[in-house]
Amino acid sequence: SYDADSFAYDFALIELAAAAPLNECIGIACLPTEPPVVGQECFITGWGSLSSGGSLPSLLQEAAVTAFGNDECDGMYGGLIEDSMLCAQPRFLCTRLSAPHR
């Protein structure tokens, strides 16, 4: 379950009352069955801060990121990275995000 101190399991799924119309902005997201391969492009979305200590956006943000190893990331964050987390670096930014993300 979610841990506000470590940010473990910092995600949410919502169930819509009715189907949303699929278009260029709305699509189906498949949940992964395995961790991403290091170097694989992934897309992230959220309402998290756009810079370290920055304010929170009012609109949902999206960014393309490149996955890198959680072991390497864990070393950079002093053992704070958990298996439920994705370590990634920004690739193409739709927002201003700082690297690496967890």
C-alpha atoms as a PDB file:
ATOM      1  CA  SER A   1       0.000   0.000   0.000  1.00  0.00           C
ATOM      2  CA  TYR A   2       1.008   3.649  -0.403  1.00  0.00           C
ATOM      3  CA  ASP A   3       3.711   4.983   1.924  1.00  0.00           C
ATOM      4  CA  ALA A   4       3.853   8.796   2.143  1.00  0.00           C
ATOM      5  CA  ASP A   5       7.378   8.707   3.612  1.00  0.00           C
ATOM      6  CA  SER A   6       9.006   6.593   0.898  1.00  0.00           C
ATOM      7  CA  PHE A   7       6.512   7.177  -1.956  1.00  0.00           C
ATOM      8  CA  ALA A   8       6.259   3.384  -2.353  1.00  0.00           C
ATOM      9  CA  TYR A   9       3.266   2.424  -4.487  1.00  0.00           C
ATOM     10  CA  ASP A  10       2.683   6.048  -5.544  1.00  0.00           C
ATOM     11  CA  PHE A  11       0.131   5.314  -8.254  1.00  0.00           C
ATOM     12  CA  ALA A  12      -3.605   5.022  -8.661  1.00  0.00           C
ATOM     13  CA  LEU A  13      -6.086   3.359 -10.973  1.00  0.00           C
ATOM     14  CA  ILE A  14      -9.529   4.772 -11.567  1.00  0.00           C
ATOM     15  CA  GLU A  15     -12.621   3.097 -12.942  1.00  0.00           C
ATOM     16  CA  LEU A  16     -14.795   5.233 -15.178  1.00  0.00           C
ATOM     17  CA  ALA A  17     -18.579   5.070 -14.922  1.00  0.00           C
ATOM     18  CA  ALA A  18     -18.772   5.065 -18.730  1.00  0.00           C
ATOM     19  CA  ALA A  19     -16.312   4.387 -21.526  1.00  0.00           C
ATOM     20  CA  ALA A  20     -14.240   7.388 -22.644  1.00  0.00           C
ATOM     21  CA  PRO A  21     -14.128   8.101 -26.382  1.00  0.00           C
ATOM     22  CA  LEU A  22     -10.782   6.873 -27.756  1.00  0.00           C
ATOM     23  CA  ASN A  23      -8.884   9.483 -29.801  1.00  0.00           C
ATOM     24  CA  GLU A  24      -5.378  10.970 -30.174  1.00  0.00           C
ATOM     25  CA  CYS A  25      -5.440  12.122 -26.531  1.00  0.00           C
ATOM     26  CA  ILE A  26      -7.291   9.228 -24.913  1.00  0.00           C
ATOM     27  CA  GLY A  27      -6.090   5.664 -25.329  1.00  0.00           C
ATOM     28  CA  ILE A  28      -5.870   2.321 -23.608  1.00  0.00           C
ATOM     29  CA  ALA A  29      -2.937   1.760 -21.269  1.00  0.00           C
ATOM     30  CA  CYS A  30      -1.693  -1.777 -20.784  1.00  0.00           C
ATOM     31  CA  LEU A  31      -0.249  -2.547 -17.385  1.00  0.00           C
ATOM     32  CA  PRO A  32       3.224  -4.107 -17.597  1.00  0.00           C
ATOM     33  CA  THR A  33       3.766  -7.669 -16.463  1.00  0.00           C
ATOM     34  CA  GLU A  34       7.547  -7.190 -16.074  1.00  0.00           C
ATOM     35  CA  PRO A  35       9.856  -4.251 -15.281  1.00  0.00           C
ATOM     36  CA  PRO A  36      10.891  -2.198 -18.332  1.00  0.00           C
ATOM     37  CA  VAL A  37      14.157  -3.024 -20.056  1.00  0.00           C
ATOM     38  CA  VAL A  38      16.965  -0.561 -19.302  1.00  0.00           C
ATOM     39  CA  GLY A  39      16.964   1.974 -22.148  1.00  0.00           C
ATOM     40  CA  GLN A  40      13.304   1.356 -23.040  1.00  0.00           C
ATOM     41  CA  GLU A  41      11.112   4.391 -23.684  1.00  0.00           C
ATOM     42  CA  CYS A  42       8.236   4.719 -21.207  1.00  0.00           C
ATOM     43  CA  PHE A  43       5.554   7.334 -20.732  1.00  0.00           C
ATOM     44  CA  ILE A  44       4.703   8.755 -17.341  1.00  0.00           C
ATOM     45  CA  THR A  45       1.791  10.928 -16.287  1.00  0.00           C
ATOM     46  CA  GLY A  46       0.890  12.646 -13.057  1.00  0.00           C
ATOM     47  CA  TRP A  47       0.296  15.779 -11.064  1.00  0.00           C
ATOM     48  CA  GLY A  48       3.683  15.764  -9.314  1.00  0.00           C
ATOM     49  CA  SER A  49       5.850  18.855  -8.963  1.00  0.00           C
ATOM     50  CA  LEU A  50       7.479  20.067 -12.166  1.00  0.00           C
ATOM     51  CA  SER A  51      10.785  20.884 -10.453  1.00  0.00           C
ATOM     52  CA  SER A  52      12.451  20.002  -7.174  1.00  0.00           C
ATOM     53  CA  GLY A  53      10.386  21.656  -4.452  1.00  0.00           C
ATOM     54  CA  GLY A  54       8.197  23.291  -7.101  1.00  0.00           C
ATOM     55  CA  SER A  55       4.471  23.826  -7.183  1.00  0.00           C
ATOM     56  CA  LEU A  56       1.977  21.202  -8.342  1.00  0.00           C
ATOM     57  CA  PRO A  57       0.259  21.599 -11.732  1.00  0.00           C
ATOM     58  CA  SER A  58      -3.520  21.763 -12.025  1.00  0.00           C
ATOM     59  CA  LEU A  59      -3.486  19.789 -15.308  1.00  0.00           C
ATOM     60  CA  LEU A  60      -2.318  16.214 -15.763  1.00  0.00           C
ATOM     61  CA  GLN A  61       1.234  16.201 -17.141  1.00  0.00           C
ATOM     62  CA  GLU A  62       2.889  13.663 -19.483  1.00  0.00           C
ATOM     63  CA  ALA A  63       6.510  12.974 -20.342  1.00  0.00           C
ATOM     64  CA  ALA A  64       8.459  10.388 -22.323  1.00  0.00           C
ATOM     65  CA  VAL A  65      11.288   8.927 -20.232  1.00  0.00           C
ATOM     66  CA  THR A  66      13.999   6.316 -20.688  1.00  0.00           C
ATOM     67  CA  ALA A  67      14.093   3.554 -18.064  1.00  0.00           C
ATOM     68  CA  PHE A  68      17.348   2.801 -16.314  1.00  0.00           C
ATOM     69  CA  GLY A  69      18.271   0.213 -13.712  1.00  0.00           C
ATOM     70  CA  ASN A  70      16.758   0.430 -10.256  1.00  0.00           C
ATOM     71  CA  ASP A  71      20.039  -0.841  -8.768  1.00  0.00           C
ATOM     72  CA  GLU A  72      21.944   2.130 -10.233  1.00  0.00           C
ATOM     73  CA  CYS A  73      19.186   4.504  -9.164  1.00  0.00           C
ATOM     74  CA  ASP A  74      19.077   2.989  -5.666  1.00  0.00           C
ATOM     75  CA  GLY A  75      22.764   3.796  -5.270  1.00  0.00           C
ATOM     76  CA  MET A  76      22.122   7.415  -6.242  1.00  0.00           C
ATOM     77  CA  TYR A  77      19.258   7.677  -3.732  1.00  0.00           C
ATOM     78  CA  GLY A  78      21.010   5.941  -0.842  1.00  0.00           C
ATOM     79  CA  GLY A  79      18.863   2.808  -0.742  1.00  0.00           C
ATOM     80  CA  LEU A  80      15.469   4.526  -1.012  1.00  0.00           C
ATOM     81  CA  ILE A  81      14.380   2.912  -4.296  1.00  0.00           C
ATOM     82  CA  GLU A  82      11.889   0.061  -3.948  1.00  0.00           C
ATOM     83  CA  ASP A  83      10.782  -2.605  -6.416  1.00  0.00           C
ATOM     84  CA  SER A  84       7.475  -0.774  -6.943  1.00  0.00           C
ATOM     85  CA  MET A  85       9.349   2.248  -8.356  1.00  0.00           C
ATOM     86  CA  LEU A  86      10.477   3.064 -11.892  1.00  0.00           C
ATOM     87  CA  CYS A  87      13.780   4.868 -12.309  1.00  0.00           C
ATOM     88  CA  ALA A  88      13.903   6.920 -15.480  1.00  0.00           C
ATOM     89  CA  GLN A  89      15.511   9.920 -17.121  1.00  0.00           C
ATOM     90  CA  PRO A  90      13.549  12.460 -19.154  1.00  0.00           C
ATOM     91  CA  ARG A  91      13.772  12.043 -22.892  1.00  0.00           C
ATOM     92  CA  PHE A  92      11.209  14.239 -24.598  1.00  0.00           C
ATOM     93  CA  LEU A  93       9.522  16.505 -22.118  1.00  0.00           C
ATOM     94  CA  CYS A  94       5.955  17.665 -22.287  1.00  0.00           C
ATOM     95  CA  THR A  95       6.622  19.349 -18.959  1.00  0.00           C
ATOM     96  CA  ARG A  96       9.666  20.473 -17.014  1.00  0.00           C
ATOM     97  CA  LEU A  97      10.727  17.398 -15.076  1.00  0.00           C
ATOM     98  CA  SER A  98      13.999  16.906 -13.244  1.00  0.00           C
ATOM     99  CA  ALA A  99      16.030  13.684 -13.573  1.00  0.00           C
ATOM    100  CA  PRO A 100      16.109  11.048 -12.360  1.00  0.00           C
ATOM    101  CA  HIS A 101      12.488  10.392 -11.334  1.00  0.00           C
ATOM    102  CA  ARG A 102      11.122   7.856  -8.981  1.00  0.00           C
END
